[in-house]
C-alpha atoms as a PDB file:
ATOM      1  CA  MET A   1       0.000   0.000   0.000  1.00  0.00           C
ATOM      2  CA  SER A   2       1.012   3.612  -0.570  1.00  0.00           C
ATOM      3  CA  ASP A   3      -0.019   6.504   1.646  1.00  0.00           C
ATOM      4  CA  LEU A   4      -1.949   9.452   0.242  1.00  0.00           C
ATOM      5  CA  ARG A   5       1.043  11.780   0.185  1.00  0.00           C
ATOM      6  CA  ASP A   6       2.950   9.373  -2.052  1.00  0.00           C
ATOM      7  CA  PHE A   7      -0.105   9.000  -4.274  1.00  0.00           C
ATOM      8  CA  MET A   8      -0.385  12.790  -4.563  1.00  0.00           C
ATOM      9  CA  ARG A   9       3.315  12.961  -5.494  1.00  0.00           C
ATOM     10  CA  VAL A  10       2.659  10.493  -8.328  1.00  0.00           C
ATOM     11  CA  ARG A  11      -0.741  11.794  -9.416  1.00  0.00           C
ATOM     12  CA  ALA A  12       0.076  15.516  -9.026  1.00  0.00           C
ATOM     13  CA  SER A  13       2.596  17.381  -6.825  1.00  0.00           C
ATOM     14  CA  ALA A  14       2.576  17.499  -3.036  1.00  0.00           C
ATOM     15  CA  ASP A  15       3.756  21.134  -2.958  1.00  0.00           C
ATOM     16  CA  GLY A  16       0.633  22.455  -4.698  1.00  0.00           C
ATOM     17  CA  ALA A  17       2.304  23.066  -8.062  1.00  0.00           C
ATOM     18  CA  GLU A  18       0.175  22.592 -11.166  1.00  0.00           C
ATOM     19  CA  THR A  19       0.747  19.365 -13.087  1.00  0.00           C
ATOM     20  CA  VAL A  20      -0.499  18.158 -16.467  1.00  0.00           C
ATOM     21  CA  THR A  21      -1.452  14.580 -17.261  1.00  0.00           C
ATOM     22  CA  TRP A  22      -1.911  13.709 -20.941  1.00  0.00           C
ATOM     23  CA  TRP A  23      -3.444  10.595 -22.430  1.00  0.00           C
ATOM     24  CA  THR A  24      -4.258   9.072 -25.799  1.00  0.00           C
ATOM     25  CA  GLY A  25      -6.154   5.981 -26.858  1.00  0.00           C
ATOM     26  CA  ASP A  26      -9.335   4.657 -28.389  1.00  0.00           C
ATOM     27  CA  VAL A  27     -13.012   4.079 -27.704  1.00  0.00           C
ATOM     28  CA  TYR A  28     -14.733   0.797 -28.548  1.00  0.00           C
ATOM     29  CA  ALA A  29     -18.351  -0.345 -28.373  1.00  0.00           C
ATOM     30  CA  TYR A  30     -20.106  -3.648 -27.968  1.00  0.00           C
ATOM     31  CA  GLY A  31     -23.707  -4.773 -27.632  1.00  0.00           C
ATOM     32  CA  LEU A  32     -25.652  -7.965 -27.180  1.00  0.00           C
ATOM     33  CA  ASP A  33     -24.426 -10.255 -29.974  1.00  0.00           C
ATOM     34  CA  ASP A  34     -22.846  -7.236 -31.657  1.00  0.00           C
ATOM     35  CA  GLY A  35     -19.334  -5.859 -31.965  1.00  0.00           C
ATOM     36  CA  PRO A  36     -16.843  -4.954 -30.768  1.00  0.00           C
ATOM     37  CA  HIS A  37     -16.599  -1.793 -32.900  1.00  0.00           C
ATOM     38  CA  HIS A  38     -13.771   0.759 -33.008  1.00  0.00           C
ATOM     39  CA  LEU A  39     -15.677   4.056 -32.839  1.00  0.00           C
ATOM     40  CA  PHE A  40     -13.251   6.857 -31.943  1.00  0.00           C
ATOM     41  CA  GLY A  41      -9.739   7.883 -31.117  1.00  0.00           C
ATOM     42  CA  PHE A  42      -9.501   9.813 -27.868  1.00  0.00           C
ATOM     43  CA  GLU A  43      -6.934  12.327 -26.591  1.00  0.00           C
ATOM     44  CA  GLY A  44      -7.050  14.619 -23.589  1.00  0.00           C
ATOM     45  CA  VAL A  45      -5.464  16.259 -20.581  1.00  0.00           C
ATOM     46  CA  ASN A  46      -6.128  16.756 -16.901  1.00  0.00           C
ATOM     47  CA  VAL A  47      -4.581  19.770 -15.153  1.00  0.00           C
ATOM     48  CA  ALA A  48      -4.303  19.219 -11.411  1.00  0.00           C
ATOM     49  CA  ARG A  49      -3.320  20.836  -8.141  1.00  0.00           C
ATOM     50  CA  ALA A  50      -2.998  18.872  -4.879  1.00  0.00           C
ATOM     51  CA  VAL A  51      -3.693  20.758  -1.633  1.00  0.00           C
ATOM     52  CA  GLU A  52      -3.097  19.222   1.796  1.00  0.00           C
ATOM     53  CA  LYS A  53      -6.052  20.089   4.024  1.00  0.00           C
ATOM     54  CA  ASP A  54      -7.879  18.867   7.146  1.00  0.00           C
ATOM     55  CA  GLY A  55      -5.817  15.714   7.539  1.00  0.00           C
ATOM     56  CA  GLY A  56      -6.225  14.732   3.903  1.00  0.00           C
ATOM     57  CA  TRP A  57      -5.901  16.122   0.389  1.00  0.00           C
ATOM     58  CA  GLU A  58      -7.958  18.055  -2.093  1.00  0.00           C
ATOM     59  CA  LEU A  59      -7.220  17.168  -5.696  1.00  0.00           C
ATOM     60  CA  LEU A  60      -8.389  20.151  -7.757  1.00  0.00           C
ATOM     61  CA  THR A  61      -8.585  19.495 -11.493  1.00  0.00           C
ATOM     62  CA  ARG A  62     -10.053  20.398 -14.847  1.00  0.00           C
ATOM     63  CA  GLU A  63     -10.038  18.081 -17.834  1.00  0.00           C
ATOM     64  CA  ALA A  64     -10.600  18.298 -21.564  1.00  0.00           C
ATOM     65  CA  ALA A  65     -10.552  15.585 -24.213  1.00  0.00           C
ATOM     66  CA  ALA A  66     -11.427  15.194 -27.876  1.00  0.00           C
ATOM     67  CA  TYR A  67     -13.148  12.423 -29.780  1.00  0.00           C
ATOM     68  CA  LEU A  68     -11.139  11.702 -32.921  1.00  0.00           C
ATOM     69  CA  ASP A  69     -11.640  10.027 -36.252  1.00  0.00           C
ATOM     70  CA  PRO A  70     -10.101   6.590 -35.563  1.00  0.00           C
ATOM     71  CA  ALA A  71      -8.114   6.617 -38.816  1.00  0.00           C
ATOM     72  CA  SER A  72      -6.976  10.232 -39.307  1.00  0.00           C
ATOM     73  CA  ARG A  73      -6.906  11.078 -35.551  1.00  0.00           C
ATOM     74  CA  ASP A  74      -8.464  14.471 -36.336  1.00  0.00           C
ATOM     75  CA  PRO A  75     -11.095  15.904 -33.956  1.00  0.00           C
ATOM     76  CA  LEU A  76     -14.655  15.210 -35.039  1.00  0.00           C
ATOM     77  CA  ASP A  77     -17.355  17.869 -35.362  1.00  0.00           C
ATOM     78  CA  THR A  78     -20.072  15.396 -36.349  1.00  0.00           C
ATOM     79  CA  TRP A  79     -20.401  11.628 -36.319  1.00  0.00           C
ATOM     80  CA  ASP A  80     -22.427   9.377 -38.591  1.00  0.00           C
ATOM     81  CA  ASN A  81     -23.810   6.899 -36.054  1.00  0.00           C
ATOM     82  CA  PRO A  82     -23.596   3.447 -37.723  1.00  0.00           C
ATOM     83  CA  PHE A  83     -26.080   1.965 -35.244  1.00  0.00           C
ATOM     84  CA  THR A  84     -28.903   4.425 -35.909  1.00  0.00           C
ATOM     85  CA  GLY A  85     -28.015   6.009 -39.250  1.00  0.00           C
ATOM     86  CA  ARG A  86     -28.281   9.470 -37.674  1.00  0.00           C
ATOM     87  CA  LEU A  87     -25.708  12.236 -38.095  1.00  0.00           C
ATOM     88  CA  VAL A  88     -25.075  13.735 -34.659  1.00  0.00           C
ATOM     89  CA  ASP A  89     -23.014  16.606 -33.277  1.00  0.00           C
ATOM     90  CA  VAL A  90     -19.984  15.455 -31.296  1.00  0.00           C
ATOM     91  CA  GLN A  91     -19.679  16.856 -27.770  1.00  0.00           C
ATOM     92  CA  HIS A  92     -16.048  16.835 -26.707  1.00  0.00           C
ATOM     93  CA  VAL A  93     -15.147  16.627 -23.019  1.00  0.00           C
ATOM     94  CA  TYR A  94     -14.655  19.798 -21.006  1.00  0.00           C
ATOM     95  CA  ASN A  95     -15.242  19.109 -17.323  1.00  0.00           C
ATOM     96  CA  ASP A  96     -14.712  22.054 -14.979  1.00  0.00           C
ATOM     97  CA  PRO A  97     -14.217  21.141 -12.207  1.00  0.00           C
ATOM     98  CA  VAL A  98     -13.342  17.509 -11.458  1.00  0.00           C
ATOM     99  CA  ASN A  99     -12.428  17.731  -7.763  1.00  0.00           C
ATOM    100  CA  GLN A 100     -11.872  15.066  -5.115  1.00  0.00           C
ATOM    101  CA  ARG A 101     -11.439  15.079  -1.343  1.00  0.00           C
ATOM    102  CA  LEU A 102      -9.211  12.206  -0.272  1.00  0.00           C
ATOM    103  CA  ARG A 103      -8.458  11.122   3.262  1.00  0.00           C
ATOM    104  CA  GLY A 104      -8.218   8.105   5.496  1.00  0.00           C
ATOM    105  CA  PHE A 105      -7.187   5.405   3.048  1.00  0.00           C
ATOM    106  CA  GLN A 106      -4.163   3.939   1.303  1.00  0.00           C
ATOM    107  CA  VAL A 107      -3.744   3.309  -2.398  1.00  0.00           C
ATOM    108  CA  PRO A 108      -2.893  -0.252  -3.517  1.00  0.00           C
ATOM    109  CA  ALA A 109       0.732  -0.467  -4.674  1.00  0.00           C
ATOM    110  CA  THR A 110       2.589  -3.274  -6.442  1.00  0.00           C
ATOM    111  CA  ARG A 111       6.386  -3.367  -6.693  1.00  0.00           C
ATOM    112  CA  MET A 112       7.532  -4.651 -10.088  1.00  0.00           C
ATOM    113  CA  GLY A 113      11.322  -4.515 -10.245  1.00  0.00           C
ATOM    114  CA  ASP A 114      12.343  -0.861 -10.503  1.00  0.00           C
ATOM    115  CA  THR A 115       8.723   0.288 -10.869  1.00  0.00           C
ATOM    116  CA  VAL A 116       5.879   0.796  -8.401  1.00  0.00           C
ATOM    117  CA  VAL A 117       2.333   0.534  -9.770  1.00  0.00           C
ATOM    118  CA  LEU A 118      -0.393   2.435  -7.905  1.00  0.00           C
ATOM    119  CA  ASN A 119      -3.929   1.509  -8.908  1.00  0.00           C
ATOM    120  CA  THR A 120      -7.252   3.171  -8.254  1.00  0.00           C
ATOM    121  CA  ASP A 121     -10.422   1.335  -9.271  1.00  0.00           C
ATOM    122  CA  ILE A 122     -13.393   3.708  -9.223  1.00  0.00           C
ATOM    123  CA  LEU A 123     -16.750   1.915  -9.372  1.00  0.00           C
ATOM    124  CA  LEU A 124     -19.649   4.282  -9.999  1.00  0.00           C
ATOM    125  CA  ALA A 125     -23.400   3.883  -9.564  1.00  0.00           C
ATOM    126  CA  TYR A 126     -25.569   6.921  -8.836  1.00  0.00           C
ATOM    127  CA  PRO A 127     -28.763   8.591 -10.085  1.00  0.00           C
ATOM    128  CA  SER A 128     -28.278   9.774 -13.648  1.00  0.00           C
ATOM    129  CA  PRO A 129     -28.737  13.487 -14.356  1.00  0.00           C
ATOM    130  CA  LEU A 130     -30.532  12.354 -17.531  1.00  0.00           C
ATOM    131  CA  LYS A 131     -33.751  10.585 -16.612  1.00  0.00           C
ATOM    132  CA  VAL A 132     -35.040   8.311 -19.366  1.00  0.00           C
ATOM    133  CA  ALA A 133     -38.491   9.920 -19.186  1.00  0.00           C
ATOM    134  CA  ASP A 134     -36.977  13.348 -19.881  1.00  0.00           C
ATOM    135  CA  TYR A 135     -34.230  12.273 -22.311  1.00  0.00           C
ATOM    136  CA  PRO A 136     -35.440   9.093 -24.043  1.00  0.00           C
ATOM    137  CA  ASP A 137     -32.977   9.459 -26.951  1.00  0.00           C
ATOM    138  CA  ASN A 138     -29.981  10.264 -24.757  1.00  0.00           C
ATOM    139  CA  SER A 139     -30.232   8.164 -21.599  1.00  0.00           C
ATOM    140  CA  PHE A 140     -29.728   4.428 -21.188  1.00  0.00           C
ATOM    141  CA  SER A 141     -30.959   4.241 -17.595  1.00  0.00           C
ATOM    142  CA  ASP A 142     -32.038   6.331 -14.612  1.00  0.00           C
ATOM    143  CA  THR A 143     -28.893   5.024 -12.873  1.00  0.00           C
ATOM    144  CA  TYR A 144     -25.453   5.946 -14.189  1.00  0.00           C
ATOM    145  CA  ARG A 145     -23.096   2.962 -13.909  1.00  0.00           C
ATOM    146  CA  ALA A 146     -19.458   3.008 -14.981  1.00  0.00           C
ATOM    147  CA  MET A 147     -15.938   1.929 -14.047  1.00  0.00           C
ATOM    148  CA  GLU A 148     -12.755   4.022 -14.165  1.00  0.00           C
ATOM    149  CA  LEU A 149      -9.667   1.814 -13.777  1.00  0.00           C
ATOM    150  CA  PHE A 150      -6.318   3.608 -13.392  1.00  0.00           C
ATOM    151  CA  GLN A 151      -2.754   2.306 -13.055  1.00  0.00           C
ATOM    152  CA  PHE A 152       0.073   4.768 -12.399  1.00  0.00           C
ATOM    153  CA  PHE A 153       3.615   3.487 -13.036  1.00  0.00           C
ATOM    154  CA  ALA A 154       6.277   5.352 -11.049  1.00  0.00           C
ATOM    155  CA  PRO A 155      10.055   4.808 -10.740  1.00  0.00           C
ATOM    156  CA  ALA A 156      10.651   3.196  -7.352  1.00  0.00           C
ATOM    157  CA  ALA A 157      13.805   5.240  -6.753  1.00  0.00           C
ATOM    158  CA  ALA A 158      11.921   8.505  -7.322  1.00  0.00           C
ATOM    159  CA  LEU A 159       9.077   7.427  -5.060  1.00  0.00           C
ATOM    160  CA  GLU A 160      11.540   6.523  -2.306  1.00  0.00           C
ATOM    161  CA  GLY A 161      13.064  10.032  -2.536  1.00  0.00           C
ATOM    162  CA  ASP A 162      11.528  13.225  -1.168  1.00  0.00           C
ATOM    163  CA  ALA A 163      10.762  15.216  -4.351  1.00  0.00           C
ATOM    164  CA  PRO A 164       7.221  16.648  -4.216  1.00  0.00           C
ATOM    165  CA  SER A 165       6.427  15.421  -7.748  1.00  0.00           C
ATOM    166  CA  VAL A 166       7.243  11.940  -9.034  1.00  0.00           C
ATOM    167  CA  PRO A 167       7.151  11.078 -12.775  1.00  0.00           C
ATOM    168  CA  ASN A 168       4.536   8.630 -13.933  1.00  0.00           C
ATOM    169  CA  THR A 169       3.163   6.852 -16.943  1.00  0.00           C
ATOM    170  CA  LEU A 170      -0.369   5.567 -16.748  1.00  0.00           C
ATOM    171  CA  SER A 171      -2.917   3.149 -18.087  1.00  0.00           C
ATOM    172  CA  TRP A 172      -6.629   3.981 -17.992  1.00  0.00           C
ATOM    173  CA  CYS A 173      -9.636   1.853 -18.874  1.00  0.00           C
ATOM    174  CA  ARG A 174     -13.209   3.109 -18.652  1.00  0.00           C
ATOM    175  CA  VAL A 175     -16.440   1.185 -19.136  1.00  0.00           C
ATOM    176  CA  SER A 176     -19.500   3.414 -19.485  1.00  0.00           C
ATOM    177  CA  PRO A 177     -22.959   3.729 -21.034  1.00  0.00           C
ATOM    178  CA  TRP A 178     -23.468   5.262 -24.456  1.00  0.00           C
ATOM    179  CA  LEU A 179     -22.701   8.980 -24.481  1.00  0.00           C
ATOM    180  CA  PRO A 180     -25.791  11.222 -24.448  1.00  0.00           C
ATOM    181  CA  TRP A 181     -24.935  12.894 -27.758  1.00  0.00           C
ATOM    182  CA  MET A 182     -24.782   9.510 -29.522  1.00  0.00           C
ATOM    183  CA  THR A 183     -28.636   9.318 -29.307  1.00  0.00           C
ATOM    184  CA  MET A 184     -28.596   5.584 -28.610  1.00  0.00           C
ATOM    185  CA  GLY A 185     -31.591   5.556 -26.284  1.00  0.00           C
ATOM    186  CA  GLN A 186     -31.910   2.287 -24.346  1.00  0.00           C
ATOM    187  CA  ARG A 187     -30.103   0.144 -26.935  1.00  0.00           C
ATOM    188  CA  PRO A 188     -28.161  -2.571 -25.044  1.00  0.00           C
ATOM    189  CA  GLY A 189     -24.408  -2.091 -25.031  1.00  0.00           C
ATOM    190  CA  ALA A 190     -21.537  -0.103 -23.583  1.00  0.00           C
ATOM    191  CA  LEU A 191     -18.379   1.825 -24.381  1.00  0.00           C
ATOM    192  CA  VAL A 192     -14.836   0.813 -23.449  1.00  0.00           C
ATOM    193  CA  TYR A 193     -12.068   3.439 -23.356  1.00  0.00           C
ATOM    194  CA  HIS A 194      -8.496   2.098 -23.520  1.00  0.00           C
ATOM    195  CA  CYS A 195      -5.839   4.781 -23.044  1.00  0.00           C
ATOM    196  CA  ARG A 196      -2.295   5.351 -21.929  1.00  0.00           C
ATOM    197  CA  GLY A 197      -0.486   8.543 -20.943  1.00  0.00           C
ATOM    198  CA  ALA A 198       1.963  10.305 -18.660  1.00  0.00           C
ATOM    199  CA  LYS A 199       2.607  13.327 -16.505  1.00  0.00           C
ATOM    200  CA  VAL A 200       3.972  15.933 -18.943  1.00  0.00           C
ATOM    201  CA  GLY A 201       5.409  19.429 -18.779  1.00  0.00           C
ATOM    202  CA  GLU A 202       2.585  21.326 -20.467  1.00  0.00           C
ATOM    203  CA  VAL A 203      -0.715  20.978 -22.314  1.00  0.00           C
ATOM    204  CA  PRO A 204       0.035  19.740 -25.860  1.00  0.00           C
ATOM    205  CA  GLY A 205      -0.397  22.462 -28.473  1.00  0.00           C
ATOM    206  CA  ASN A 206      -3.106  20.656 -30.466  1.00  0.00           C
ATOM    207  CA  LEU A 207      -5.323  20.402 -27.373  1.00  0.00           C
ATOM    208  CA  GLU A 208      -4.684  23.999 -26.336  1.00  0.00           C
ATOM    209  CA  THR A 209      -5.667  25.085 -29.855  1.00  0.00           C
ATOM    210  CA  LEU A 210      -8.906  23.111 -29.596  1.00  0.00           C
ATOM    211  CA  PHE A 211      -9.876  24.020 -26.015  1.00  0.00           C
ATOM    212  CA  GLY A 212      -7.951  27.185 -25.190  1.00  0.00           C
ATOM    213  CA  PRO A 213      -5.693  27.683 -22.138  1.00  0.00           C
ATOM    214  CA  LEU A 214      -6.141  25.102 -19.391  1.00  0.00           C
ATOM    215  CA  ASN A 215      -5.109  25.619 -15.772  1.00  0.00           C
ATOM    216  CA  ALA A 216      -5.849  23.791 -12.546  1.00  0.00           C
ATOM    217  CA  PRO A 217      -8.319  25.324 -10.069  1.00  0.00           C
ATOM    218  CA  THR A 218      -6.850  27.161  -7.091  1.00  0.00           C
ATOM    219  CA  GLU A 219      -9.689  26.420  -4.639  1.00  0.00           C
ATOM    220  CA  TRP A 220     -12.433  23.892  -4.024  1.00  0.00           C
ATOM    221  CA  SER A 221     -15.747  24.138  -5.857  1.00  0.00           C
ATOM    222  CA  ALA A 222     -18.653  21.773  -6.468  1.00  0.00           C
ATOM    223  CA  PRO A 223     -20.465  20.037  -8.006  1.00  0.00           C
ATOM    224  CA  ASN A 224     -18.214  18.279 -10.488  1.00  0.00           C
ATOM    225  CA  GLN A 225     -19.005  18.316 -14.173  1.00  0.00           C
ATOM    226  CA  THR A 226     -19.340  15.244 -16.387  1.00  0.00           C
ATOM    227  CA  SER A 227     -20.321  14.694 -19.999  1.00  0.00           C
ATOM    228  CA  TRP A 228     -23.822  13.956 -18.705  1.00  0.00           C
ATOM    229  CA  THR A 229     -24.235  17.182 -16.704  1.00  0.00           C
ATOM    230  CA  THR A 230     -22.673  19.214 -19.522  1.00  0.00           C
ATOM    231  CA  PHE A 231     -25.208  17.725 -21.941  1.00  0.00           C
ATOM    232  CA  VAL A 232     -28.056  18.782 -19.622  1.00  0.00           C
ATOM    233  CA  ASP A 233     -26.604  22.282 -19.218  1.00  0.00           C
ATOM    234  CA  ARG A 234     -26.323  22.774 -22.976  1.00  0.00           C
ATOM    235  CA  ARG A 235     -29.932  21.665 -23.470  1.00  0.00           C
ATOM    236  CA  LYS A 236     -31.087  24.454 -21.128  1.00  0.00           C
ATOM    237  CA  PHE A 237     -30.100  27.157 -23.630  1.00  0.00           C
END
């Protein structure tokens, strides 16, 4: 096991400095007796600041990511849904904020030679902000269910030192319902995101061009944003 300070050193920086985590990968789909299908490329960043507070940590972040054509890797504006035959507008990810309060637990850690792997398995089930009765084309269920499975690979020697920030590479897998903008309704199936990335020095230029400047929050705010809440907010206007 690894204590929270060590996890913050790997995930962000224990001195409160801003850090950038970048990832790239792909999104697949499967249904009952159907698939799998390679739907999108996916590339994004999370900008984070770790703040020690009240015996634990606040992880203050914003994140942005783009759905890409799987062949050209160019950002998509629209998507011709092969399941429904409908052309839909693509809603890229811009979640501001994505904050967490962490205290009172240790993060599983596995030593593998010169590398330590820290893993966080986030299992989600909560009332969906998109009720099926209100959003029949955009909501699979009144309960949002998903998994976010992270592995952070850190050099053991760096983790055993006292630097506030430790380099990492990462693996991320996500299993989730259809995205609201895909207009899949209650069609059986799910999405699988398979990505890899690393802590990097700055937001890559292509993502900054697409989303504008990205910086980590400096103080706590709530509630968090997701693709589901953003979809609801956009429908209000």
